[in-house]
Every structure is written in structure tokens, then in C-alpha cells.
Amino acid sequence: AKRRKEVAGIWSMPEDPETRQQQLSVTPLTDVWGIGRRWARRLETEGWQNAADLAAADPAMIRLVANVVLQRIALELRGESCLSLEETSPPPRSLVRSRSFGQPLYQLTELRPALGRYLQRGWEHLRRHHLRASGIQVFLHPSRFHREVRYFGSRQAVIEPTDDLWELQRCAFALLQQAYRSGVAYTRCGVMLFGLEPDQPSWNMDTAWQPRAELQQAITGLQQRWGRSVLQLAHTLTATKGLPLQQHRSPRYTTQWSELPVIGLR
């Protein structure tokens, strides 16, 4: 479609079998989306010289010679749909927020602010998409040079689906306490919120819940207007050691006034 000027960038597969066969017979394998030069050479050794040969080949033989992806490509060339189009993407069932540290962290007091920062980013996603989480997982990755220990992880299901930042934070810090091992150099941590479902009115009878819900609504409103960094939990601001290295980061022209280019006139 990009090389033929007469189709203006869009080419539709002809429904007429004879016309389709004629078009495919003059289409090299490398012009088929999903087939690179290496695969084209491999297919040519099997006797398939163009797209028409591939479409006429036995699907079982294609899968034996190549893989299921090329098998589906061949079926698509025949006009058989192998990938159904969805009007809307399915809702996510989980989300992960994780980063590597700029330097190894050893103390629980250093890991907690970093984990709190990632949890707040996940909570912001919940609020933005009107979701609640029914489970939470915290994971720690030690240094690759620490051969005795490779991975620590812990999981806990939240009793009631929630988007309460303070409740999620309480669970996350408890899991962090369980997963932490003294003397280990950690280079990465993260949190996964799973069992996501649409936000529903809460029947929580806790008298402390309503003020927290109003506070969360205020935080969300301020972040939507002024940016997510305008209001954060205090302990996340101390996660300086857990910040990733950003020595070669591109300027943030759209979010930081201080990084806008300055033009001087003489």
C-alpha cells in the first residue's frame, strides 16, 4: 500500500478469488506484514516464492516449518480471519508499578518510601480509570551479584475491593515487612494490584472511611488540575535513594517550566 501510488496508502484484499490470486502472485514474501528477510529466505527454500504460494500451502506444513504466527498469516492471506477485532479493549485485571533503584538499598526505612511512591502511582491509575483492587502483591529484587538470594515476594488479598490509598498502603507495608531480609542489597521493588473491578458504591460502615473518601477526591481533583506531583504523601518525598538514575533524560518540555528552552534576543 505504501509503494503503490494508485491505492493512496490503503489497499484492500480483493474479494474475487481470481483477482486476489493475481495480486498475491506478484507480492514478494517480504512485502507481507510479519515476514522479514530471514523468514522469507527460509520459506523460499521450501518452495514458497510469493504470497500466493504461502496462501496455497498446507497450514499444518507451515506450522511445522515455521510457527503458528506464519500459519495464521497464511490463513489471513486466504481470507480467513484469525484475529477478531474488538470495539473496546477488555478492562485490565491487574497493574504493576516498579522501578530499579539508582543505588542498592539495604534498610527497610529506605525501601518503604520507594514502595510508597510506586503504590501511589498505581493508586492514581485506579482513580483515573474508576477501578478498585481486591488484591495486592509486593516484590523485591536483590542485586544480581547476591547469589544466595534471587527473589523475595509476598501476596495478600484485600478483604473488600478498595481504592483507599491508606488501606492499600497499610497492606503493602505489611507485605514489605514480610518480604524484607536484613543484609540483602535490593536493586528493585514494586507493587502489583490485581483483581481489578469497576468502582462501586461502598457499604463500608467505618466512620473513618467517609473523611478519607473525601480527602482522596480532593487529592484526585488537585492532581488532575495541577499535575500528579502537586500533592503526595510525605514519606514518598524522602525516597531520594530509590530514585532511578536519570543522567541522560530528555528535557521535559511539556511538564517542567524550568526545562523549557530559552531564546535570547540581541
C-alpha atoms as a PDB file:
ATOM      1  CA  ALA A   1       0.000   0.000   0.000  1.00  0.00           C
ATOM      2  CA  LYS A   2       2.913   2.355   0.680  1.00  0.00           C
ATOM      3  CA  ARG A   3       4.658   1.585  -2.612  1.00  0.00           C
ATOM      4  CA  ARG A   4       1.670   1.753  -4.939  1.00  0.00           C
ATOM      5  CA  LYS A   5       0.612   5.318  -5.634  1.00  0.00           C
ATOM      6  CA  GLU A   6      -2.676   4.265  -7.214  1.00  0.00           C
ATOM      7  CA  VAL A   7      -4.044   2.931  -3.882  1.00  0.00           C
ATOM      8  CA  ALA A   8      -3.218   6.130  -1.906  1.00  0.00           C
ATOM      9  CA  GLY A   9      -1.711   4.246   1.049  1.00  0.00           C
ATOM     10  CA  ILE A  10      -4.656   1.889   1.628  1.00  0.00           C
ATOM     11  CA  TRP A  11      -5.042  -1.464  -0.107  1.00  0.00           C
ATOM     12  CA  SER A  12      -7.977  -3.786   0.467  1.00  0.00           C
ATOM     13  CA  MET A  13      -7.734  -7.504  -0.222  1.00  0.00           C
ATOM     14  CA  PRO A  14      -9.948  -8.262  -3.299  1.00  0.00           C
ATOM     15  CA  GLU A  15     -12.929 -10.500  -2.590  1.00  0.00           C
ATOM     16  CA  ASP A  16     -12.814 -12.061  -6.052  1.00  0.00           C
ATOM     17  CA  PRO A  17     -10.622 -15.222  -5.812  1.00  0.00           C
ATOM     18  CA  GLU A  18      -9.041 -14.756  -9.245  1.00  0.00           C
ATOM     19  CA  THR A  19      -8.139 -11.124  -8.604  1.00  0.00           C
ATOM     20  CA  ARG A  20      -6.806 -11.990  -5.168  1.00  0.00           C
ATOM     21  CA  GLN A  21      -4.677 -14.811  -6.614  1.00  0.00           C
ATOM     22  CA  GLN A  22      -3.275 -12.462  -9.231  1.00  0.00           C
ATOM     23  CA  GLN A  23      -2.400  -9.816  -6.647  1.00  0.00           C
ATOM     24  CA  LEU A  24      -0.779 -12.305  -4.277  1.00  0.00           C
ATOM     25  CA  SER A  25       1.260 -13.919  -7.060  1.00  0.00           C
ATOM     26  CA  VAL A  26       3.108 -10.637  -7.696  1.00  0.00           C
ATOM     27  CA  THR A  27       3.597  -9.881  -3.975  1.00  0.00           C
ATOM     28  CA  PRO A  28       7.004 -10.925  -2.588  1.00  0.00           C
ATOM     29  CA  LEU A  29       7.067 -12.609   0.789  1.00  0.00           C
ATOM     30  CA  THR A  30       8.982  -9.705   2.299  1.00  0.00           C
ATOM     31  CA  ASP A  31       6.076  -7.381   1.449  1.00  0.00           C
ATOM     32  CA  VAL A  32       3.746  -9.376   3.698  1.00  0.00           C
ATOM     33  CA  TRP A  33       3.445  -7.809   7.132  1.00  0.00           C
ATOM     34  CA  GLY A  34       5.069 -10.071   9.719  1.00  0.00           C
ATOM     35  CA  ILE A  35       7.536 -11.782   7.363  1.00  0.00           C
ATOM     36  CA  GLY A  36      11.103 -10.493   7.478  1.00  0.00           C
ATOM     37  CA  ARG A  37      14.006 -11.257   5.212  1.00  0.00           C
ATOM     38  CA  ARG A  38      15.247 -14.217   7.251  1.00  0.00           C
ATOM     39  CA  TRP A  39      11.861 -15.907   7.266  1.00  0.00           C
ATOM     40  CA  ALA A  40      11.403 -15.124   3.574  1.00  0.00           C
ATOM     41  CA  ARG A  41      14.653 -16.935   2.746  1.00  0.00           C
ATOM     42  CA  ARG A  42      13.567 -19.892   4.880  1.00  0.00           C
ATOM     43  CA  LEU A  43      10.188 -20.102   3.156  1.00  0.00           C
ATOM     44  CA  GLU A  44      11.733 -19.800  -0.294  1.00  0.00           C
ATOM     45  CA  THR A  45      13.867 -22.853   0.398  1.00  0.00           C
ATOM     46  CA  GLU A  46      10.611 -24.732   0.992  1.00  0.00           C
ATOM     47  CA  GLY A  47       9.351 -23.696  -2.452  1.00  0.00           C
ATOM     48  CA  TRP A  48       7.124 -20.784  -1.458  1.00  0.00           C
ATOM     49  CA  GLN A  49       8.265 -17.872  -3.605  1.00  0.00           C
ATOM     50  CA  ASN A  50       5.481 -15.326  -3.117  1.00  0.00           C
ATOM     51  CA  ALA A  51       2.365 -14.595  -1.092  1.00  0.00           C
ATOM     52  CA  ALA A  52       0.199 -16.760  -3.362  1.00  0.00           C
ATOM     53  CA  ASP A  53       2.396 -19.798  -2.734  1.00  0.00           C
ATOM     54  CA  LEU A  54       2.196 -19.214   1.012  1.00  0.00           C
ATOM     55  CA  ALA A  55      -1.596 -18.864   0.919  1.00  0.00           C
ATOM     56  CA  ALA A  56      -1.951 -22.112  -1.033  1.00  0.00           C
ATOM     57  CA  ALA A  57       0.370 -24.101   1.221  1.00  0.00           C
ATOM     58  CA  ASP A  58      -0.818 -26.644   3.773  1.00  0.00           C
ATOM     59  CA  PRO A  59      -1.290 -24.795   7.120  1.00  0.00           C
ATOM     60  CA  ALA A  60      -0.004 -27.811   9.045  1.00  0.00           C
ATOM     61  CA  MET A  61       3.179 -27.827   6.965  1.00  0.00           C
ATOM     62  CA  ILE A  62       3.675 -24.089   7.512  1.00  0.00           C
ATOM     63  CA  ARG A  63       3.416 -24.568  11.268  1.00  0.00           C
ATOM     64  CA  LEU A  64       5.864 -27.472  11.084  1.00  0.00           C
ATOM     65  CA  VAL A  65       8.391 -25.479   9.048  1.00  0.00           C
ATOM     66  CA  ALA A  66       7.880 -22.127  10.777  1.00  0.00           C
ATOM     67  CA  ASN A  67       5.459 -21.374  13.632  1.00  0.00           C
ATOM     68  CA  VAL A  68       1.835 -20.639  14.440  1.00  0.00           C
ATOM     69  CA  VAL A  69       2.265 -16.932  13.619  1.00  0.00           C
ATOM     70  CA  LEU A  70       3.166 -17.634   9.984  1.00  0.00           C
ATOM     71  CA  GLN A  71       0.402 -20.219   9.862  1.00  0.00           C
ATOM     72  CA  ARG A  72      -2.097 -17.516  10.810  1.00  0.00           C
ATOM     73  CA  ILE A  73      -0.595 -15.125   8.264  1.00  0.00           C
ATOM     74  CA  ALA A  74      -1.150 -17.717   5.541  1.00  0.00           C
ATOM     75  CA  LEU A  75      -4.751 -18.199   6.634  1.00  0.00           C
ATOM     76  CA  GLU A  76      -5.300 -14.433   6.638  1.00  0.00           C
ATOM     77  CA  LEU A  77      -3.990 -14.301   3.049  1.00  0.00           C
ATOM     78  CA  ARG A  78      -6.663 -16.843   2.160  1.00  0.00           C
ATOM     79  CA  GLY A  79      -9.303 -14.553   3.599  1.00  0.00           C
ATOM     80  CA  GLU A  80      -9.809 -16.453   6.866  1.00  0.00           C
ATOM     81  CA  SER A  81      -9.819 -14.140   9.874  1.00  0.00           C
ATOM     82  CA  CYS A  82      -7.545 -15.322  12.689  1.00  0.00           C
ATOM     83  CA  LEU A  83      -7.698 -12.219  14.855  1.00  0.00           C
ATOM     84  CA  SER A  84     -11.054 -10.841  15.870  1.00  0.00           C
ATOM     85  CA  LEU A  85     -11.282  -7.087  16.195  1.00  0.00           C
ATOM     86  CA  GLU A  86     -12.667  -5.710  19.444  1.00  0.00           C
ATOM     87  CA  GLU A  87     -14.601  -2.460  19.575  1.00  0.00           C
ATOM     88  CA  THR A  88     -13.255  -1.814  23.068  1.00  0.00           C
ATOM     89  CA  SER A  89     -10.289  -3.350  24.831  1.00  0.00           C
ATOM     90  CA  PRO A  90     -11.118  -5.586  27.808  1.00  0.00           C
ATOM     91  CA  PRO A  91     -10.689  -3.967  31.221  1.00  0.00           C
ATOM     92  CA  PRO A  92      -7.327  -4.643  32.877  1.00  0.00           C
ATOM     93  CA  ARG A  93      -7.236  -7.284  35.590  1.00  0.00           C
ATOM     94  CA  SER A  94      -4.031  -6.091  37.214  1.00  0.00           C
ATOM     95  CA  LEU A  95      -1.446  -3.323  37.125  1.00  0.00           C
ATOM     96  CA  VAL A  96       2.201  -3.178  38.143  1.00  0.00           C
ATOM     97  CA  ARG A  97       4.314  -0.220  39.180  1.00  0.00           C
ATOM     98  CA  SER A  98       8.002  -0.932  39.600  1.00  0.00           C
ATOM     99  CA  ARG A  99      11.408   0.707  39.080  1.00  0.00           C
ATOM    100  CA  SER A 100      15.054  -0.086  39.579  1.00  0.00           C
ATOM    101  CA  PHE A 101      16.906   1.969  42.174  1.00  0.00           C
ATOM    102  CA  GLY A 102      19.702   4.353  41.376  1.00  0.00           C
ATOM    103  CA  GLN A 103      21.772   2.562  44.013  1.00  0.00           C
ATOM    104  CA  PRO A 104      21.333  -0.599  46.102  1.00  0.00           C
ATOM    105  CA  LEU A 105      19.151  -0.211  49.196  1.00  0.00           C
ATOM    106  CA  TYR A 106      19.742  -2.210  52.378  1.00  0.00           C
ATOM    107  CA  GLN A 107      17.442  -0.754  55.011  1.00  0.00           C
ATOM    108  CA  LEU A 108      13.708  -1.204  55.398  1.00  0.00           C
ATOM    109  CA  THR A 109      13.435   2.519  56.102  1.00  0.00           C
ATOM    110  CA  GLU A 110      14.867   3.174  52.622  1.00  0.00           C
ATOM    111  CA  LEU A 111      12.611   0.671  50.853  1.00  0.00           C
ATOM    112  CA  ARG A 112       9.369   1.874  52.416  1.00  0.00           C
ATOM    113  CA  PRO A 113       9.349   5.379  50.793  1.00  0.00           C
ATOM    114  CA  ALA A 114      10.231   3.901  47.398  1.00  0.00           C
ATOM    115  CA  LEU A 115       7.433   1.347  47.640  1.00  0.00           C
ATOM    116  CA  GLY A 116       5.047   4.076  48.785  1.00  0.00           C
ATOM    117  CA  ARG A 117       5.873   6.106  45.676  1.00  0.00           C
ATOM    118  CA  TYR A 118       5.105   3.192  43.335  1.00  0.00           C
ATOM    119  CA  LEU A 119       1.933   2.368  45.243  1.00  0.00           C
ATOM    120  CA  GLN A 120       0.718   5.939  44.881  1.00  0.00           C
ATOM    121  CA  ARG A 121       1.299   5.754  41.117  1.00  0.00           C
ATOM    122  CA  GLY A 122      -0.790   2.586  40.994  1.00  0.00           C
ATOM    123  CA  TRP A 123      -3.489   4.202  43.126  1.00  0.00           C
ATOM    124  CA  GLU A 124      -3.599   7.160  40.728  1.00  0.00           C
ATOM    125  CA  HIS A 125      -4.259   4.697  37.909  1.00  0.00           C
ATOM    126  CA  LEU A 126      -7.132   3.170  39.880  1.00  0.00           C
ATOM    127  CA  ARG A 127      -8.701   6.562  40.469  1.00  0.00           C
ATOM    128  CA  ARG A 128      -8.209   7.694  36.875  1.00  0.00           C
ATOM    129  CA  HIS A 129      -9.968   4.610  35.478  1.00  0.00           C
ATOM    130  CA  HIS A 130     -12.546   4.272  38.270  1.00  0.00           C
ATOM    131  CA  LEU A 131     -11.295   0.883  39.451  1.00  0.00           C
ATOM    132  CA  ARG A 132     -10.846  -0.930  42.750  1.00  0.00           C
ATOM    133  CA  ALA A 133      -8.344  -3.622  43.677  1.00  0.00           C
ATOM    134  CA  SER A 134      -9.159  -6.776  45.593  1.00  0.00           C
ATOM    135  CA  GLY A 135      -5.561  -7.944  45.969  1.00  0.00           C
ATOM    136  CA  ILE A 136      -2.062  -6.599  46.337  1.00  0.00           C
ATOM    137  CA  GLN A 137       1.404  -8.080  45.859  1.00  0.00           C
ATOM    138  CA  VAL A 138       4.751  -6.622  46.871  1.00  0.00           C
ATOM    139  CA  PHE A 139       8.011  -7.897  45.397  1.00  0.00           C
ATOM    140  CA  LEU A 140      11.690  -7.183  45.988  1.00  0.00           C
ATOM    141  CA  HIS A 141      14.588  -7.938  43.680  1.00  0.00           C
ATOM    142  CA  PRO A 142      18.048  -8.257  45.252  1.00  0.00           C
ATOM    143  CA  SER A 143      21.256  -7.447  43.419  1.00  0.00           C
ATOM    144  CA  ARG A 144      22.208  -9.901  40.689  1.00  0.00           C
ATOM    145  CA  PHE A 145      25.577 -10.231  42.416  1.00  0.00           C
ATOM    146  CA  HIS A 146      23.878 -11.586  45.556  1.00  0.00           C
ATOM    147  CA  ARG A 147      23.942 -15.252  44.548  1.00  0.00           C
ATOM    148  CA  GLU A 148      22.431 -16.664  47.708  1.00  0.00           C
ATOM    149  CA  VAL A 149      19.136 -14.788  47.321  1.00  0.00           C
ATOM    150  CA  ARG A 150      17.423 -14.114  43.995  1.00  0.00           C
ATOM    151  CA  TYR A 151      13.857 -13.109  44.767  1.00  0.00           C
ATOM    152  CA  PHE A 152      11.506 -12.342  47.602  1.00  0.00           C
ATOM    153  CA  GLY A 153       7.792 -11.932  47.156  1.00  0.00           C
ATOM    154  CA  SER A 154       4.627 -11.893  49.199  1.00  0.00           C
ATOM    155  CA  ARG A 155       0.928 -11.613  48.459  1.00  0.00           C
ATOM    156  CA  GLN A 156      -2.199 -10.761  50.405  1.00  0.00           C
ATOM    157  CA  ALA A 157      -5.815 -10.485  49.287  1.00  0.00           C
ATOM    158  CA  VAL A 158      -7.734  -7.406  50.349  1.00  0.00           C
ATOM    159  CA  ILE A 159     -10.990  -8.435  52.043  1.00  0.00           C
ATOM    160  CA  GLU A 160     -13.158  -5.859  50.256  1.00  0.00           C
ATOM    161  CA  PRO A 161     -12.338  -4.350  46.845  1.00  0.00           C
ATOM    162  CA  THR A 162     -10.990  -0.903  47.569  1.00  0.00           C
ATOM    163  CA  ASP A 163      -9.325   2.169  46.148  1.00  0.00           C
ATOM    164  CA  ASP A 164      -8.465   3.511  49.601  1.00  0.00           C
ATOM    165  CA  LEU A 165      -4.853   4.661  49.406  1.00  0.00           C
ATOM    166  CA  TRP A 166      -4.317   4.326  53.141  1.00  0.00           C
ATOM    167  CA  GLU A 167      -5.707   0.784  53.261  1.00  0.00           C
ATOM    168  CA  LEU A 168      -3.584  -0.275  50.281  1.00  0.00           C
ATOM    169  CA  GLN A 169      -0.552   1.350  51.863  1.00  0.00           C
ATOM    170  CA  ARG A 170      -1.128  -0.474  55.156  1.00  0.00           C
ATOM    171  CA  CYS A 171      -1.267  -3.827  53.331  1.00  0.00           C
ATOM    172  CA  ALA A 172       1.749  -3.004  51.154  1.00  0.00           C
ATOM    173  CA  PHE A 173       3.963  -2.033  54.086  1.00  0.00           C
ATOM    174  CA  ALA A 174       2.928  -5.186  55.978  1.00  0.00           C
ATOM    175  CA  LEU A 175       3.899  -7.302  52.962  1.00  0.00           C
ATOM    176  CA  LEU A 176       7.164  -5.423  52.625  1.00  0.00           C
ATOM    177  CA  GLN A 177       7.946  -6.254  56.237  1.00  0.00           C
ATOM    178  CA  GLN A 178       7.356  -9.941  55.485  1.00  0.00           C
ATOM    179  CA  ALA A 179       9.441  -9.957  52.311  1.00  0.00           C
ATOM    180  CA  TYR A 180      12.380  -7.956  53.651  1.00  0.00           C
ATOM    181  CA  ARG A 181      15.609  -9.711  54.641  1.00  0.00           C
ATOM    182  CA  SER A 182      18.300  -7.852  56.547  1.00  0.00           C
ATOM    183  CA  GLY A 183      21.704  -7.534  54.914  1.00  0.00           C
ATOM    184  CA  VAL A 184      20.479  -8.016  51.337  1.00  0.00           C
ATOM    185  CA  ALA A 185      21.255  -5.380  48.701  1.00  0.00           C
ATOM    186  CA  TYR A 186      17.996  -4.649  46.888  1.00  0.00           C
ATOM    187  CA  THR A 187      18.050  -3.042  43.462  1.00  0.00           C
ATOM    188  CA  ARG A 188      14.354  -3.071  42.582  1.00  0.00           C
ATOM    189  CA  CYS A 189      10.953  -3.203  44.204  1.00  0.00           C
ATOM    190  CA  GLY A 190       7.402  -2.926  43.017  1.00  0.00           C
ATOM    191  CA  VAL A 191       3.752  -3.455  43.723  1.00  0.00           C
ATOM    192  CA  MET A 192       1.021  -5.217  41.774  1.00  0.00           C
ATOM    193  CA  LEU A 193      -2.663  -4.502  42.290  1.00  0.00           C
ATOM    194  CA  PHE A 194      -4.790  -7.357  40.999  1.00  0.00           C
ATOM    195  CA  GLY A 195      -8.402  -8.421  40.946  1.00  0.00           C
ATOM    196  CA  LEU A 196      -9.381  -5.054  39.490  1.00  0.00           C
ATOM    197  CA  GLU A 197     -13.070  -4.324  39.104  1.00  0.00           C
ATOM    198  CA  PRO A 198     -15.199  -1.253  38.356  1.00  0.00           C
ATOM    199  CA  ASP A 199     -15.709   1.163  41.203  1.00  0.00           C
ATOM    200  CA  GLN A 200     -18.962   0.592  43.057  1.00  0.00           C
ATOM    201  CA  PRO A 201     -20.647   2.442  45.928  1.00  0.00           C
ATOM    202  CA  SER A 202     -19.149   1.252  49.194  1.00  0.00           C
ATOM    203  CA  TRP A 203     -21.210  -0.118  52.074  1.00  0.00           C
ATOM    204  CA  ASN A 204     -18.343   0.483  54.472  1.00  0.00           C
ATOM    205  CA  MET A 205     -19.821   1.435  57.863  1.00  0.00           C
ATOM    206  CA  ASP A 206     -16.475   2.627  59.249  1.00  0.00           C
ATOM    207  CA  THR A 207     -16.932   6.208  60.427  1.00  0.00           C
ATOM    208  CA  ALA A 208     -13.335   6.985  59.426  1.00  0.00           C
ATOM    209  CA  TRP A 209     -13.993   5.967  55.814  1.00  0.00           C
ATOM    210  CA  GLN A 210     -16.070   8.960  54.696  1.00  0.00           C
ATOM    211  CA  PRO A 211     -13.449  11.630  55.540  1.00  0.00           C
ATOM    212  CA  ARG A 212     -10.785   9.552  53.741  1.00  0.00           C
ATOM    213  CA  ALA A 213     -13.017   9.221  50.691  1.00  0.00           C
ATOM    214  CA  GLU A 214     -13.499  12.987  50.591  1.00  0.00           C
ATOM    215  CA  LEU A 215      -9.761  13.515  51.043  1.00  0.00           C
ATOM    216  CA  GLN A 216      -8.995  11.147  48.169  1.00  0.00           C
ATOM    217  CA  GLN A 217     -11.457  13.001  45.970  1.00  0.00           C
ATOM    218  CA  ALA A 218      -9.721  16.272  46.816  1.00  0.00           C
ATOM    219  CA  ILE A 219      -6.288  14.795  46.026  1.00  0.00           C
ATOM    220  CA  THR A 220      -7.530  13.479  42.690  1.00  0.00           C
ATOM    221  CA  GLY A 221      -9.049  16.828  41.793  1.00  0.00           C
ATOM    222  CA  LEU A 222      -5.847  18.736  42.607  1.00  0.00           C
ATOM    223  CA  GLN A 223      -3.709  16.289  40.620  1.00  0.00           C
ATOM    224  CA  GLN A 224      -5.987  16.499  37.612  1.00  0.00           C
ATOM    225  CA  ARG A 225      -5.692  20.282  37.612  1.00  0.00           C
ATOM    226  CA  TRP A 226      -2.089  20.873  38.659  1.00  0.00           C
ATOM    227  CA  GLY A 227      -0.311  17.570  37.913  1.00  0.00           C
ATOM    228  CA  ARG A 228       0.297  14.466  39.980  1.00  0.00           C
ATOM    229  CA  SER A 229       3.380  15.885  41.686  1.00  0.00           C
ATOM    230  CA  VAL A 230       1.467  18.788  43.272  1.00  0.00           C
ATOM    231  CA  LEU A 231       0.316  16.670  46.241  1.00  0.00           C
ATOM    232  CA  GLN A 232       1.968  13.495  47.506  1.00  0.00           C
ATOM    233  CA  LEU A 233       2.247  11.524  50.704  1.00  0.00           C
ATOM    234  CA  ALA A 234       5.043  12.965  52.817  1.00  0.00           C
ATOM    235  CA  HIS A 235       7.036   9.765  53.247  1.00  0.00           C
ATOM    236  CA  THR A 236       7.326   9.297  49.446  1.00  0.00           C
ATOM    237  CA  LEU A 237       9.276  12.544  49.178  1.00  0.00           C
ATOM    238  CA  THR A 238      12.147  11.009  51.158  1.00  0.00           C
ATOM    239  CA  ALA A 239      12.730   8.278  48.555  1.00  0.00           C
ATOM    240  CA  THR A 240      15.761  10.050  47.106  1.00  0.00           C
ATOM    241  CA  LYS A 241      17.991   6.965  47.217  1.00  0.00           C
ATOM    242  CA  GLY A 242      15.356   4.880  45.493  1.00  0.00           C
ATOM    243  CA  LEU A 243      15.006   7.185  42.507  1.00  0.00           C
ATOM    244  CA  PRO A 244      16.299   5.733  39.218  1.00  0.00           C
ATOM    245  CA  LEU A 245      19.324   7.287  37.552  1.00  0.00           C
ATOM    246  CA  GLN A 246      18.299   9.956  35.036  1.00  0.00           C
ATOM    247  CA  GLN A 247      21.603  11.350  33.845  1.00  0.00           C
ATOM    248  CA  HIS A 248      20.609  11.183  30.162  1.00  0.00           C
ATOM    249  CA  ARG A 249      16.917  12.016  30.414  1.00  0.00           C
ATOM    250  CA  SER A 250      15.399  14.121  27.660  1.00  0.00           C
ATOM    251  CA  PRO A 251      14.107  17.567  28.685  1.00  0.00           C
ATOM    252  CA  ARG A 252      10.527  17.559  29.961  1.00  0.00           C
ATOM    253  CA  TYR A 253       9.292  20.449  27.852  1.00  0.00           C
ATOM    254  CA  THR A 254       5.600  19.758  28.437  1.00  0.00           C
ATOM    255  CA  THR A 255       5.636  19.392  32.236  1.00  0.00           C
ATOM    256  CA  GLN A 256       8.565  21.436  33.639  1.00  0.00           C
ATOM    257  CA  TRP A 257       8.841  25.197  33.187  1.00  0.00           C
ATOM    258  CA  SER A 258      12.492  25.125  34.254  1.00  0.00           C
ATOM    259  CA  GLU A 259      13.414  22.819  31.357  1.00  0.00           C
ATOM    260  CA  LEU A 260      11.898  24.896  28.565  1.00  0.00           C
ATOM    261  CA  PRO A 261      14.472  26.145  26.036  1.00  0.00           C
ATOM    262  CA  VAL A 262      15.375  29.800  26.448  1.00  0.00           C
ATOM    263  CA  ILE A 263      15.796  32.072  23.433  1.00  0.00           C
ATOM    264  CA  GLY A 264      17.665  35.345  23.839  1.00  0.00           C
ATOM    265  CA  LEU A 265      17.261  38.343  21.540  1.00  0.00           C
ATOM    266  CA  ARG A 266      20.026  40.851  20.996  1.00  0.00           C
END
